[in-house]
Amino acid sequence: MRKKIADKKEVQAFLTAVLRNEEADVKDRLKVAEYLVKLAGEDVETPKDMQIQIRVVE
């Protein structure tokens, strides 16, 4: 029988894959980064006026 609930390592692996997926939307990758920090037991506060600079490499 297949497990229905992912354990912490499976969740971390999934989130890490999304974080490293350069084709994923940047907003999604940032949100995933927040989840990973929370899973590690850290507190995350994101300022509302935070600016992010993205450099496109071709």
PDB file of N, CA and C in Angstrom:
ATOM      1  N   MET A   1       0.837  -1.196   0.000  1.00  0.00           N
ATOM      2  CA  MET A   1       0.000   0.000   0.000  1.00  0.00           C
ATOM      3  C   MET A   1       0.876   1.252   0.000  1.00  0.00           C
ATOM      4  N   ARG A   2       0.502   2.205  -0.771  1.00  0.00           N
ATOM      5  CA  ARG A   2       1.254   3.448  -0.911  1.00  0.00           C
ATOM      6  C   ARG A   2       0.940   4.403   0.233  1.00  0.00           C
ATOM      7  N   LYS A   3       1.987   5.095   0.730  1.00  0.00           N
ATOM      8  CA  LYS A   3       1.785   6.089   1.777  1.00  0.00           C
ATOM      9  C   LYS A   3       0.981   7.262   1.231  1.00  0.00           C
ATOM     10  N   LYS A   4       0.100   7.800   2.067  1.00  0.00           N
ATOM     11  CA  LYS A   4      -0.706   8.939   1.650  1.00  0.00           C
ATOM     12  C   LYS A   4      -0.155  10.259   2.166  1.00  0.00           C
ATOM     13  N   ILE A   5       0.657  10.199   3.216  1.00  0.00           N
ATOM     14  CA  ILE A   5       1.194  11.414   3.808  1.00  0.00           C
ATOM     15  C   ILE A   5       2.708  11.410   3.668  1.00  0.00           C
ATOM     16  N   ALA A   6       3.238  12.492   3.115  1.00  0.00           N
ATOM     17  CA  ALA A   6       4.685  12.600   2.930  1.00  0.00           C
ATOM     18  C   ALA A   6       5.350  12.921   4.266  1.00  0.00           C
ATOM     19  N   ASP A   7       6.518  12.334   4.498  1.00  0.00           N
ATOM     20  CA  ASP A   7       7.252  12.681   5.712  1.00  0.00           C
ATOM     21  C   ASP A   7       8.054  13.957   5.460  1.00  0.00           C
ATOM     22  N   LYS A   8       8.723  14.443   6.490  1.00  0.00           N
ATOM     23  CA  LYS A   8       9.438  15.721   6.401  1.00  0.00           C
ATOM     24  C   LYS A   8      10.502  15.709   5.305  1.00  0.00           C
ATOM     25  N   LYS A   9      11.227  14.608   5.165  1.00  0.00           N
ATOM     26  CA  LYS A   9      12.275  14.537   4.142  1.00  0.00           C
ATOM     27  C   LYS A   9      11.689  14.592   2.733  1.00  0.00           C
ATOM     28  N   GLU A  10      10.555  13.941   2.527  1.00  0.00           N
ATOM     29  CA  GLU A  10       9.912  13.983   1.208  1.00  0.00           C
ATOM     30  C   GLU A  10       9.437  15.393   0.873  1.00  0.00           C
ATOM     31  N   VAL A  11       8.880  16.066   1.864  1.00  0.00           N
ATOM     32  CA  VAL A  11       8.410  17.438   1.657  1.00  0.00           C
ATOM     33  C   VAL A  11       9.597  18.348   1.349  1.00  0.00           C
ATOM     34  N   GLN A  12      10.678  18.206   2.101  1.00  0.00           N
ATOM     35  CA  GLN A  12      11.874  19.015   1.856  1.00  0.00           C
ATOM     36  C   GLN A  12      12.441  18.759   0.461  1.00  0.00           C
ATOM     37  N   ALA A  13      12.456  17.512   0.038  1.00  0.00           N
ATOM     38  CA  ALA A  13      12.972  17.179  -1.291  1.00  0.00           C
ATOM     39  C   ALA A  13      12.111  17.810  -2.384  1.00  0.00           C
ATOM     40  N   PHE A  14      10.800  17.741  -2.210  1.00  0.00           N
ATOM     41  CA  PHE A  14       9.884  18.338  -3.183  1.00  0.00           C
ATOM     42  C   PHE A  14      10.082  19.848  -3.256  1.00  0.00           C
ATOM     43  N   LEU A  15      10.104  20.504  -2.085  1.00  0.00           N
ATOM     44  CA  LEU A  15      10.258  21.951  -2.046  1.00  0.00           C
ATOM     45  C   LEU A  15      11.604  22.384  -2.631  1.00  0.00           C
ATOM     46  N   THR A  16      12.640  21.624  -2.345  1.00  0.00           N
ATOM     47  CA  THR A  16      13.964  21.937  -2.884  1.00  0.00           C
ATOM     48  C   THR A  16      13.963  21.826  -4.405  1.00  0.00           C
ATOM     49  N   ALA A  17      13.273  20.824  -4.937  1.00  0.00           N
ATOM     50  CA  ALA A  17      13.188  20.667  -6.393  1.00  0.00           C
ATOM     51  C   ALA A  17      12.489  21.861  -7.023  1.00  0.00           C
ATOM     52  N   VAL A  18      11.427  22.338  -6.386  1.00  0.00           N
ATOM     53  CA  VAL A  18      10.721  23.514  -6.908  1.00  0.00           C
ATOM     54  C   VAL A  18      11.621  24.741  -6.818  1.00  0.00           C
ATOM     55  N   LEU A  19      12.312  24.901  -5.699  1.00  0.00           N
ATOM     56  CA  LEU A  19      13.204  26.041  -5.506  1.00  0.00           C
ATOM     57  C   LEU A  19      14.283  26.097  -6.578  1.00  0.00           C
ATOM     58  N   ARG A  20      14.800  24.956  -6.962  1.00  0.00           N
ATOM     59  CA  ARG A  20      15.899  24.898  -7.943  1.00  0.00           C
ATOM     60  C   ARG A  20      15.428  24.872  -9.395  1.00  0.00           C
ATOM     61  N   ASN A  21      14.122  24.774  -9.596  1.00  0.00           N
ATOM     62  CA  ASN A  21      13.569  24.734 -10.943  1.00  0.00           C
ATOM     63  C   ASN A  21      13.558  26.146 -11.534  1.00  0.00           C
ATOM     64  N   GLU A  22      14.506  26.432 -12.406  1.00  0.00           N
ATOM     65  CA  GLU A  22      14.635  27.764 -12.974  1.00  0.00           C
ATOM     66  C   GLU A  22      13.482  28.126 -13.908  1.00  0.00           C
ATOM     67  N   GLU A  23      12.685  27.150 -14.293  1.00  0.00           N
ATOM     68  CA  GLU A  23      11.533  27.422 -15.152  1.00  0.00           C
ATOM     69  C   GLU A  23      10.298  27.794 -14.333  1.00  0.00           C
ATOM     70  N   ALA A  24      10.336  27.583 -13.032  1.00  0.00           N
ATOM     71  CA  ALA A  24       9.212  27.930 -12.166  1.00  0.00           C
ATOM     72  C   ALA A  24       9.159  29.440 -11.974  1.00  0.00           C
ATOM     73  N   ASP A  25       7.985  29.946 -11.712  1.00  0.00           N
ATOM     74  CA  ASP A  25       7.798  31.371 -11.472  1.00  0.00           C
ATOM     75  C   ASP A  25       8.592  31.798 -10.236  1.00  0.00           C
ATOM     76  N   VAL A  26       9.209  32.961 -10.301  1.00  0.00           N
ATOM     77  CA  VAL A  26      10.046  33.457  -9.204  1.00  0.00           C
ATOM     78  C   VAL A  26       9.233  33.587  -7.918  1.00  0.00           C
ATOM     79  N   LYS A  27       7.980  34.033  -8.028  1.00  0.00           N
ATOM     80  CA  LYS A  27       7.138  34.166  -6.830  1.00  0.00           C
ATOM     81  C   LYS A  27       6.964  32.819  -6.147  1.00  0.00           C
ATOM     82  N   ASP A  28       6.774  31.768  -6.939  1.00  0.00           N
ATOM     83  CA  ASP A  28       6.607  30.426  -6.373  1.00  0.00           C
ATOM     84  C   ASP A  28       7.897  29.959  -5.703  1.00  0.00           C
ATOM     85  N   ARG A  29       9.017  30.232  -6.336  1.00  0.00           N
ATOM     86  CA  ARG A  29      10.311  29.827  -5.781  1.00  0.00           C
ATOM     87  C   ARG A  29      10.595  30.545  -4.464  1.00  0.00           C
ATOM     88  N   LEU A  30      10.232  31.824  -4.384  1.00  0.00           N
ATOM     89  CA  LEU A  30      10.422  32.572  -3.143  1.00  0.00           C
ATOM     90  C   LEU A  30       9.530  32.035  -2.027  1.00  0.00           C
ATOM     91  N   LYS A  31       8.298  31.711  -2.358  1.00  0.00           N
ATOM     92  CA  LYS A  31       7.379  31.159  -1.355  1.00  0.00           C
ATOM     93  C   LYS A  31       7.902  29.822  -0.842  1.00  0.00           C
ATOM     94  N   VAL A  32       8.405  28.998  -1.740  1.00  0.00           N
ATOM     95  CA  VAL A  32       8.979  27.714  -1.367  1.00  0.00           C
ATOM     96  C   VAL A  32      10.182  27.918  -0.451  1.00  0.00           C
ATOM     97  N   ALA A  33      10.989  28.939  -0.738  1.00  0.00           N
ATOM     98  CA  ALA A  33      12.137  29.237   0.121  1.00  0.00           C
ATOM     99  C   ALA A  33      11.671  29.559   1.537  1.00  0.00           C
ATOM    100  N   GLU A  34      10.571  30.305   1.659  1.00  0.00           N
ATOM    101  CA  GLU A  34      10.003  30.605   2.978  1.00  0.00           C
ATOM    102  C   GLU A  34       9.583  29.315   3.690  1.00  0.00           C
ATOM    103  N   TYR A  35       8.924  28.420   2.978  1.00  0.00           N
ATOM    104  CA  TYR A  35       8.495  27.157   3.573  1.00  0.00           C
ATOM    105  C   TYR A  35       9.692  26.341   4.061  1.00  0.00           C
ATOM    106  N   LEU A  36      10.751  26.319   3.269  1.00  0.00           N
ATOM    107  CA  LEU A  36      11.940  25.562   3.671  1.00  0.00           C
ATOM    108  C   LEU A  36      12.564  26.136   4.936  1.00  0.00           C
ATOM    109  N   VAL A  37      12.596  27.450   5.043  1.00  0.00           N
ATOM    110  CA  VAL A  37      13.134  28.080   6.249  1.00  0.00           C
ATOM    111  C   VAL A  37      12.254  27.737   7.451  1.00  0.00           C
ATOM    112  N   LYS A  38      10.942  27.776   7.254  1.00  0.00           N
ATOM    113  CA  LYS A  38      10.032  27.435   8.350  1.00  0.00           C
ATOM    114  C   LYS A  38      10.190  25.970   8.765  1.00  0.00           C
ATOM    115  N   LEU A  39      10.373  25.079   7.787  1.00  0.00           N
ATOM    116  CA  LEU A  39      10.592  23.667   8.112  1.00  0.00           C
ATOM    117  C   LEU A  39      11.863  23.467   8.932  1.00  0.00           C
ATOM    118  N   ALA A  40      12.831  24.328   8.715  1.00  0.00           N
ATOM    119  CA  ALA A  40      14.095  24.245   9.454  1.00  0.00           C
ATOM    120  C   ALA A  40      13.963  24.842  10.851  1.00  0.00           C
ATOM    121  N   GLY A  41      12.785  25.391  11.157  1.00  0.00           N
ATOM    122  CA  GLY A  41      12.547  25.929  12.485  1.00  0.00           C
ATOM    123  C   GLY A  41      12.896  27.386  12.646  1.00  0.00           C
ATOM    124  N   GLU A  42      13.122  28.061  11.539  1.00  0.00           N
ATOM    125  CA  GLU A  42      13.460  29.484  11.589  1.00  0.00           C
ATOM    126  C   GLU A  42      12.191  30.312  11.421  1.00  0.00           C
ATOM    127  N   ASP A  43      12.255  31.553  11.876  1.00  0.00           N
ATOM    128  CA  ASP A  43      11.138  32.473  11.729  1.00  0.00           C
ATOM    129  C   ASP A  43      11.397  33.363  10.518  1.00  0.00           C
ATOM    130  N   VAL A  44      10.383  33.533   9.679  1.00  0.00           N
ATOM    131  CA  VAL A  44      10.543  34.321   8.455  1.00  0.00           C
ATOM    132  C   VAL A  44       9.623  35.525   8.499  1.00  0.00           C
ATOM    133  N   GLU A  45      10.200  36.686   8.293  1.00  0.00           N
ATOM    134  CA  GLU A  45       9.415  37.904   8.130  1.00  0.00           C
ATOM    135  C   GLU A  45       9.834  38.545   6.827  1.00  0.00           C
ATOM    136  N   THR A  46       8.893  38.770   5.949  1.00  0.00           N
ATOM    137  CA  THR A  46       9.189  39.384   4.663  1.00  0.00           C
ATOM    138  C   THR A  46       8.643  40.802   4.662  1.00  0.00           C
ATOM    139  N   PRO A  47       9.514  41.793   4.564  1.00  0.00           N
ATOM    140  CA  PRO A  47       9.035  43.175   4.519  1.00  0.00           C
ATOM    141  C   PRO A  47       8.150  43.403   3.303  1.00  0.00           C
ATOM    142  N   LYS A  48       7.113  44.195   3.469  1.00  0.00           N
ATOM    143  CA  LYS A  48       6.179  44.463   2.367  1.00  0.00           C
ATOM    144  C   LYS A  48       6.839  45.271   1.253  1.00  0.00           C
ATOM    145  N   ASP A  49       7.849  46.070   1.598  1.00  0.00           N
ATOM    146  CA  ASP A  49       8.491  46.905   0.593  1.00  0.00           C
ATOM    147  C   ASP A  49       9.797  46.309   0.077  1.00  0.00           C
ATOM    148  N   MET A  50       9.968  45.020   0.286  1.00  0.00           N
ATOM    149  CA  MET A  50      11.193  44.346  -0.141  1.00  0.00           C
ATOM    150  C   MET A  50      11.304  44.342  -1.661  1.00  0.00           C
ATOM    151  N   GLN A  51      12.479  44.672  -2.165  1.00  0.00           N
ATOM    152  CA  GLN A  51      12.717  44.678  -3.600  1.00  0.00           C
ATOM    153  C   GLN A  51      13.689  43.562  -3.941  1.00  0.00           C
ATOM    154  N   ILE A  52      13.433  42.901  -5.050  1.00  0.00           N
ATOM    155  CA  ILE A  52      14.276  41.801  -5.491  1.00  0.00           C
ATOM    156  C   ILE A  52      14.796  42.134  -6.880  1.00  0.00           C
ATOM    157  N   GLN A  53      16.106  42.008  -7.022  1.00  0.00           N
ATOM    158  CA  GLN A  53      16.711  42.262  -8.331  1.00  0.00           C
ATOM    159  C   GLN A  53      16.990  40.917  -8.969  1.00  0.00           C
ATOM    160  N   ILE A  54      16.510  40.738 -10.183  1.00  0.00           N
ATOM    161  CA  ILE A  54      16.690  39.484 -10.912  1.00  0.00           C
ATOM    162  C   ILE A  54      17.568  39.752 -12.130  1.00  0.00           C
ATOM    163  N   ARG A  55      18.607  38.987 -12.252  1.00  0.00           N
ATOM    164  CA  ARG A  55      19.520  39.132 -13.385  1.00  0.00           C
ATOM    165  C   ARG A  55      19.278  37.957 -14.335  1.00  0.00           C
ATOM    166  N   VAL A  56      19.034  38.259 -15.590  1.00  0.00           N
ATOM    167  CA  VAL A  56      18.805  37.230 -16.594  1.00  0.00           C
ATOM    168  C   VAL A  56      20.124  36.961 -17.306  1.00  0.00           C
ATOM    169  N   VAL A  57      20.535  35.707 -17.292  1.00  0.00           N
ATOM    170  CA  VAL A  57      21.779  35.310 -17.949  1.00  0.00           C
ATOM    171  C   VAL A  57      21.419  34.489 -19.184  1.00  0.00           C
ATOM    172  N   GLU A  58      21.937  34.920 -20.301  1.00  0.00           N
ATOM    173  CA  GLU A  58      21.630  34.197 -21.549  1.00  0.00           C
ATOM    174  C   GLU A  58      22.844  33.484 -22.055  1.00  0.00           C
TER     175      GLU A  58
END
